[in-house]
Amino acid sequence: MDAVSLRGISKVFGTQRAVDALTMDVPAGSIFGLLGPNGSGKTTTIRMILKILLPDEGTVQVFGRELDEASKDQIGYLPEERGLYKGMRVEDHLAFFGALHGLAPLEARRRARAWLERLEAGEWATRKIQELSKGMQQKVQFIGTILHDPILVILDEPFAGLDPVNTRLLKDVMLELRERGSTVIFSTHQMEQVEKSCDRICLIHKGHAVVQGPLAEIRQEHGGNTVHLEYSGELPRHAIENLLESIDDHGHYAELRLRRPEDTNLLLRYLVDAVEVRRFELSEASLDDIFIRLVEGRK
């Protein structure tokens, strides 16, 4: 069964069509990336999944049926906007949110302390929320999202304000949630953050799904034949441009997308004759590159 199933959902605000006939399935037990630039419709889509907003068209099913109050207690939601009571102490705040989801007071505090230690924030348990950095507040809000062991976790820009170390901590927890059988949906405009964690993705642009499906298949279909080049000198554009779909040149580093993978050696020969090659690596393109190509192809 899919954890979430959307069929042709649309949402209009005035003259702005924020989401347009979006169909999407999120398999149970997966990590699903809802990706796209700011303003693409990601947050609106999440709010329709959670029934915060109702779609103008289409249907939303969660756990195979329309979302009801009982199902809401099985969901953890981290909104992009922080919803913290800044005058409360951290542990009290988490215990309060645990109680809202039906946890007994002592159990809520036990889980809060355990998660604070897990996310290297135990020393802040008795401090007020307002005394925490933005990154630490984000970790507290993340803990509040998963404290009640939800089977569906929805995270809107979960890595905002986090340094690389704490970003990795949250990614590790997301992987652990999947191993326990939970489904994780997370939305971000920073596509490089999903490369190693998502099973499936949906790239959206202006409310439309540009591409969706298993991440490995998308990268295989759309993302091959990219050469990462580090060099000194001047690229022989006149000699190589017919071999390439695109050149993204930064002076001493370039990403060259080949038209045909069999031209790899020919490209290398042209480059060696013209520049000092320090790195020449054929690899899959990034999700950013795939997204840009697909969006430009729709213009």
Protein backbone atom coordinates (compact mmCIF):
# COMPACT_ATOMS: atom_id res chain seq x y z
CA MET A 1 0.00 0.00 0.00
CA ASP A 2 1.16 3.54 -0.70
CA ALA A 3 1.49 5.76 2.33
CA VAL A 4 0.29 8.74 0.31
CA SER A 5 -1.53 8.82 -3.01
CA LEU A 6 -2.38 12.04 -4.87
CA ARG A 7 -4.57 12.04 -7.94
CA GLY A 8 -4.79 15.18 -10.05
CA ILE A 9 -4.70 17.64 -7.14
CA SER A 10 -4.74 21.37 -7.88
CA LYS A 11 -4.77 24.48 -5.74
CA VAL A 12 -5.39 28.04 -6.92
CA PHE A 13 -4.77 31.22 -4.94
CA GLY A 14 -6.36 34.13 -6.78
CA THR A 15 -4.81 34.02 -10.25
CA GLN A 16 -1.89 31.87 -9.14
CA ARG A 17 -2.12 28.12 -9.78
CA ALA A 18 0.20 26.88 -7.02
CA VAL A 19 -0.32 23.16 -7.76
CA ASP A 20 -1.63 21.96 -11.11
CA ALA A 21 -3.07 18.45 -11.61
CA LEU A 22 -0.35 16.75 -9.57
CA THR A 23 -0.43 12.96 -9.37
CA MET A 24 2.07 11.28 -7.06
CA ASP A 25 2.46 8.05 -5.07
CA VAL A 26 4.67 7.63 -2.01
CA PRO A 27 5.36 3.94 -1.24
CA ALA A 28 5.12 2.90 2.39
CA GLY A 29 8.48 2.43 4.07
CA SER A 30 10.38 4.72 1.70
CA ILE A 31 12.23 8.02 1.91
CA PHE A 32 10.60 10.25 -0.66
CA GLY A 33 12.01 13.58 -1.82
CA LEU A 34 9.62 16.31 -2.91
CA LEU A 35 12.02 18.60 -4.72
CA GLY A 36 11.94 21.89 -6.54
CA PRO A 37 12.88 25.56 -6.28
CA ASN A 38 11.22 27.95 -3.86
CA GLY A 39 7.69 28.71 -5.01
CA SER A 40 7.29 25.50 -6.98
CA GLY A 41 4.33 24.25 -4.92
CA LYS A 42 6.04 21.89 -2.47
CA THR A 43 4.64 23.38 0.75
CA THR A 44 1.15 23.74 -0.74
CA THR A 45 1.26 20.05 -1.72
CA ILE A 46 2.29 19.06 1.81
CA ARG A 47 -0.51 21.13 3.33
CA MET A 48 -3.04 19.38 1.11
CA ILE A 49 -1.68 15.98 2.17
CA LEU A 50 -2.20 17.03 5.79
CA LYS A 51 -5.63 18.53 5.09
CA ILE A 52 -4.47 21.94 6.27
CA LEU A 53 -5.59 23.03 2.81
CA LEU A 54 -8.22 21.30 0.71
CA PRO A 55 -7.50 20.76 -2.99
CA ASP A 56 -9.69 22.58 -5.48
CA GLU A 57 -9.53 19.48 -7.68
CA GLY A 58 -8.37 15.89 -7.24
CA THR A 59 -8.13 13.49 -4.32
CA VAL A 60 -5.68 12.81 -1.49
CA GLN A 61 -5.41 9.49 0.32
CA VAL A 62 -3.21 8.74 3.32
CA PHE A 63 -2.84 5.08 4.35
CA GLY A 64 -5.39 4.18 1.67
CA ARG A 65 -8.19 6.50 2.77
CA GLU A 66 -9.08 10.13 3.29
CA LEU A 67 -7.17 11.60 6.21
CA ASP A 68 -9.12 11.55 9.48
CA GLU A 69 -8.36 12.52 13.07
CA ALA A 70 -7.15 9.03 14.00
CA SER A 71 -4.70 9.03 11.12
CA LYS A 72 -3.34 12.45 12.07
CA ASP A 73 -1.93 10.99 15.30
CA GLN A 74 0.17 8.65 13.16
CA ILE A 75 1.82 11.56 11.35
CA GLY A 76 4.73 13.75 12.38
CA TYR A 77 4.95 17.11 10.61
CA LEU A 78 7.86 19.52 10.66
CA PRO A 79 6.75 22.79 9.02
CA GLU A 80 9.20 25.13 7.36
CA GLU A 81 8.18 27.87 9.79
CA ARG A 82 9.28 27.15 13.35
CA GLY A 83 6.43 26.66 15.83
CA LEU A 84 8.27 26.80 19.13
CA TYR A 85 7.23 28.39 22.42
CA LYS A 86 10.37 30.39 23.06
CA GLY A 87 9.69 31.01 26.74
CA MET A 88 9.46 27.27 27.57
CA ARG A 89 12.36 25.08 28.56
CA VAL A 90 13.40 22.56 25.94
CA GLU A 91 12.37 19.40 27.79
CA ASP A 92 9.08 20.95 28.92
CA HIS A 93 8.34 21.98 25.34
CA LEU A 94 8.98 18.48 24.01
CA ALA A 95 6.96 16.86 26.79
CA PHE A 96 4.06 19.17 25.97
CA PHE A 97 4.13 18.20 22.28
CA GLY A 98 4.41 14.53 23.24
CA ALA A 99 1.30 14.89 25.38
CA LEU A 100 -0.57 16.44 22.45
CA HIS A 101 0.09 13.18 20.58
CA GLY A 102 -1.16 11.03 23.44
CA LEU A 103 2.07 10.18 25.29
CA ALA A 104 1.97 9.87 29.07
CA PRO A 105 3.94 12.70 30.78
CA LEU A 106 6.74 10.49 32.12
CA GLU A 107 7.11 8.65 28.82
CA ALA A 108 7.19 11.92 26.88
CA ARG A 109 10.01 13.22 29.09
CA ARG A 110 11.93 9.94 28.83
CA ARG A 111 11.77 10.03 25.06
CA ALA A 112 12.62 13.73 24.98
CA ARG A 113 15.78 13.22 27.02
CA ALA A 114 16.80 10.21 24.91
CA TRP A 115 16.41 12.09 21.65
CA LEU A 116 18.17 15.18 22.97
CA GLU A 117 21.15 13.03 23.87
CA ARG A 118 20.99 11.26 20.51
CA LEU A 119 21.11 14.57 18.65
CA GLU A 120 23.87 15.95 20.88
CA ALA A 121 21.61 18.47 22.58
CA GLY A 122 21.25 16.93 26.05
CA GLU A 123 22.98 19.81 27.81
CA TRP A 124 20.27 22.15 26.54
CA ALA A 125 17.35 20.26 28.11
CA THR A 126 16.74 22.81 30.87
CA ARG A 127 17.46 25.91 28.79
CA LYS A 128 14.74 28.09 27.33
CA ILE A 129 14.03 27.81 23.61
CA GLN A 130 14.90 31.48 23.10
CA GLU A 131 18.45 30.83 24.30
CA LEU A 132 19.12 28.31 21.52
CA SER A 133 20.73 28.96 18.16
CA LYS A 134 18.60 28.59 15.02
CA GLY A 135 20.21 25.23 14.29
CA MET A 136 19.56 23.96 17.80
CA GLN A 137 15.95 25.13 17.62
CA GLN A 138 15.60 23.17 14.38
CA LYS A 139 16.82 20.02 16.13
CA VAL A 140 14.32 20.56 18.95
CA GLN A 141 11.49 20.97 16.46
CA PHE A 142 12.65 17.82 14.63
CA ILE A 143 12.56 15.85 17.89
CA GLY A 144 9.05 17.12 18.56
CA THR A 145 8.05 15.82 15.13
CA ILE A 146 9.17 12.22 15.73
CA LEU A 147 8.74 11.92 19.51
CA HIS A 148 5.50 9.93 19.24
CA ASP A 149 6.93 7.38 16.75
CA PRO A 150 4.79 8.38 13.75
CA ILE A 151 4.54 5.98 10.83
CA LEU A 152 4.46 8.89 8.38
CA VAL A 153 6.96 11.73 8.84
CA ILE A 154 6.66 14.84 6.68
CA LEU A 155 9.54 17.31 6.83
CA ASP A 156 9.43 20.68 5.06
CA GLU A 157 13.00 22.01 4.58
CA PRO A 158 14.31 20.00 7.56
CA PHE A 159 17.95 21.02 7.12
CA ALA A 160 17.38 24.78 7.29
CA GLY A 161 19.87 26.41 9.62
CA LEU A 162 21.91 23.24 10.19
CA ASP A 163 25.64 22.87 9.65
CA PRO A 164 26.98 19.79 7.80
CA VAL A 165 27.51 17.80 11.01
CA ASN A 166 23.95 18.28 12.23
CA THR A 167 22.57 17.76 8.73
CA ARG A 168 24.20 14.33 8.76
CA LEU A 169 22.71 13.59 12.20
CA LEU A 170 19.20 14.25 10.88
CA LYS A 171 19.85 12.23 7.73
CA ASP A 172 20.96 9.28 9.89
CA VAL A 173 17.74 9.49 11.89
CA MET A 174 15.69 9.57 8.68
CA LEU A 175 17.40 6.38 7.52
CA GLU A 176 16.71 4.81 10.91
CA LEU A 177 13.03 5.75 10.67
CA ARG A 178 12.83 3.99 7.31
CA GLU A 179 14.50 0.90 8.78
CA ARG A 180 11.79 0.85 11.46
CA GLY A 181 9.13 0.85 8.75
CA SER A 182 8.13 4.51 8.78
CA THR A 183 7.65 6.54 5.61
CA VAL A 184 9.54 9.83 5.32
CA ILE A 185 8.60 12.61 2.92
CA PHE A 186 10.87 15.57 2.91
CA SER A 187 10.73 18.71 0.86
CA THR A 188 13.75 20.79 -0.09
CA HIS A 189 15.03 23.13 -2.77
CA GLN A 190 18.61 22.01 -2.04
CA MET A 191 18.67 18.97 -4.26
CA GLU A 192 22.19 17.84 -3.41
CA GLN A 193 20.91 16.88 0.05
CA VAL A 194 18.84 13.97 -1.28
CA GLU A 195 21.43 12.26 -3.49
CA LYS A 196 22.28 9.53 -0.99
CA SER A 197 19.11 9.18 1.07
CA CYS A 198 15.99 9.12 -1.12
CA ASP A 199 14.47 6.00 -2.66
CA ARG A 200 12.11 7.94 -4.89
CA ILE A 201 11.67 11.59 -5.80
CA CYS A 202 9.27 13.97 -7.47
CA LEU A 203 10.77 17.08 -9.07
CA ILE A 204 8.17 19.81 -9.39
CA HIS A 205 8.25 23.17 -11.14
CA LYS A 206 5.45 25.74 -11.11
CA GLY A 207 3.09 23.17 -9.60
CA HIS A 208 3.78 20.50 -12.24
CA ALA A 209 5.66 17.22 -11.82
CA VAL A 210 8.67 17.46 -14.15
CA VAL A 211 9.88 13.93 -13.42
CA GLN A 212 9.22 11.36 -10.70
CA GLY A 213 10.07 7.80 -9.81
CA PRO A 214 12.94 5.78 -8.31
CA LEU A 215 15.99 8.01 -7.94
CA ALA A 216 18.38 5.46 -9.43
CA GLU A 217 16.25 5.12 -12.57
CA ILE A 218 15.92 8.87 -13.02
CA ARG A 219 19.66 9.37 -12.75
CA GLN A 220 20.33 6.53 -15.14
CA GLU A 221 17.86 7.85 -17.71
CA HIS A 222 18.61 11.56 -17.47
CA GLY A 223 21.91 11.98 -15.70
CA GLY A 224 24.71 10.11 -17.47
CA ASN A 225 27.55 11.25 -19.72
CA THR A 226 28.79 14.17 -17.63
CA VAL A 227 32.54 14.80 -17.43
CA HIS A 228 33.91 16.63 -14.39
CA LEU A 229 37.05 18.39 -15.58
CA GLU A 230 39.73 20.26 -13.62
CA TYR A 231 42.28 21.91 -15.86
CA SER A 232 44.73 24.73 -16.52
CA GLY A 233 44.71 26.63 -19.79
CA GLU A 234 41.97 27.51 -22.25
CA LEU A 235 39.35 24.99 -23.32
CA PRO A 236 39.45 24.17 -27.04
CA ARG A 237 35.78 24.97 -27.54
CA HIS A 238 36.03 24.96 -31.34
CA ALA A 239 37.25 21.36 -31.27
CA ILE A 240 34.95 19.89 -28.61
CA GLU A 241 31.63 21.73 -28.88
CA ASN A 242 30.21 19.30 -31.44
CA LEU A 243 30.76 16.45 -28.95
CA LEU A 244 28.85 18.17 -26.17
CA GLU A 245 25.27 19.01 -25.26
CA SER A 246 26.41 21.65 -22.79
CA ILE A 247 29.48 23.25 -21.21
CA ASP A 248 29.37 24.71 -17.70
CA ASP A 249 32.81 26.31 -17.42
CA HIS A 250 34.10 28.03 -14.27
CA GLY A 251 37.59 28.79 -15.54
CA HIS A 252 39.59 25.96 -13.96
CA TYR A 253 36.68 23.56 -13.42
CA ALA A 254 34.03 22.55 -15.95
CA GLU A 255 31.15 20.11 -16.32
CA LEU A 256 30.89 18.83 -19.87
CA ARG A 257 27.83 16.84 -20.92
CA LEU A 258 28.56 14.48 -23.80
CA ARG A 259 26.06 13.85 -26.57
CA ARG A 260 27.26 10.23 -26.81
CA PRO A 261 29.22 8.27 -24.18
CA GLU A 262 31.35 6.64 -26.89
CA ASP A 263 32.99 10.04 -27.54
CA THR A 264 34.64 10.08 -24.10
CA ASN A 265 38.10 9.11 -25.33
CA LEU A 266 37.92 11.51 -28.26
CA LEU A 267 37.05 14.35 -25.90
CA LEU A 268 39.97 13.44 -23.66
CA ARG A 269 42.39 13.48 -26.60
CA TYR A 270 41.27 16.97 -27.63
CA LEU A 271 41.63 18.20 -24.06
CA VAL A 272 45.08 16.70 -23.48
CA ASP A 273 46.34 18.40 -26.64
CA ALA A 274 45.12 21.81 -25.47
CA VAL A 275 45.14 22.05 -21.65
CA GLU A 276 46.76 20.55 -18.58
CA VAL A 277 44.21 18.02 -17.31
CA ARG A 278 44.25 17.52 -13.54
CA ARG A 279 40.97 15.63 -13.28
CA PHE A 280 38.82 13.91 -15.89
CA GLU A 281 35.90 11.95 -14.42
CA LEU A 282 32.84 10.58 -16.19
CA SER A 283 29.90 10.36 -13.81
CA GLU A 284 26.19 10.90 -13.37
CA ALA A 285 24.92 14.45 -13.41
CA SER A 286 23.58 16.04 -10.24
CA LEU A 287 19.86 16.40 -9.64
CA ASP A 288 20.31 20.14 -10.12
CA ASP A 289 21.66 19.50 -13.63
CA ILE A 290 18.86 17.07 -14.45
CA PHE A 291 16.22 19.49 -13.20
CA ILE A 292 17.64 22.42 -15.17
CA ARG A 293 17.77 20.41 -18.39
CA LEU A 294 14.22 19.12 -17.98
CA VAL A 295 12.80 22.54 -17.14
CA GLU A 296 14.62 24.22 -20.04
CA GLY A 297 13.30 21.47 -22.31
CA ARG A 298 9.71 22.44 -21.42
CA LYS A 299 10.12 26.10 -22.36
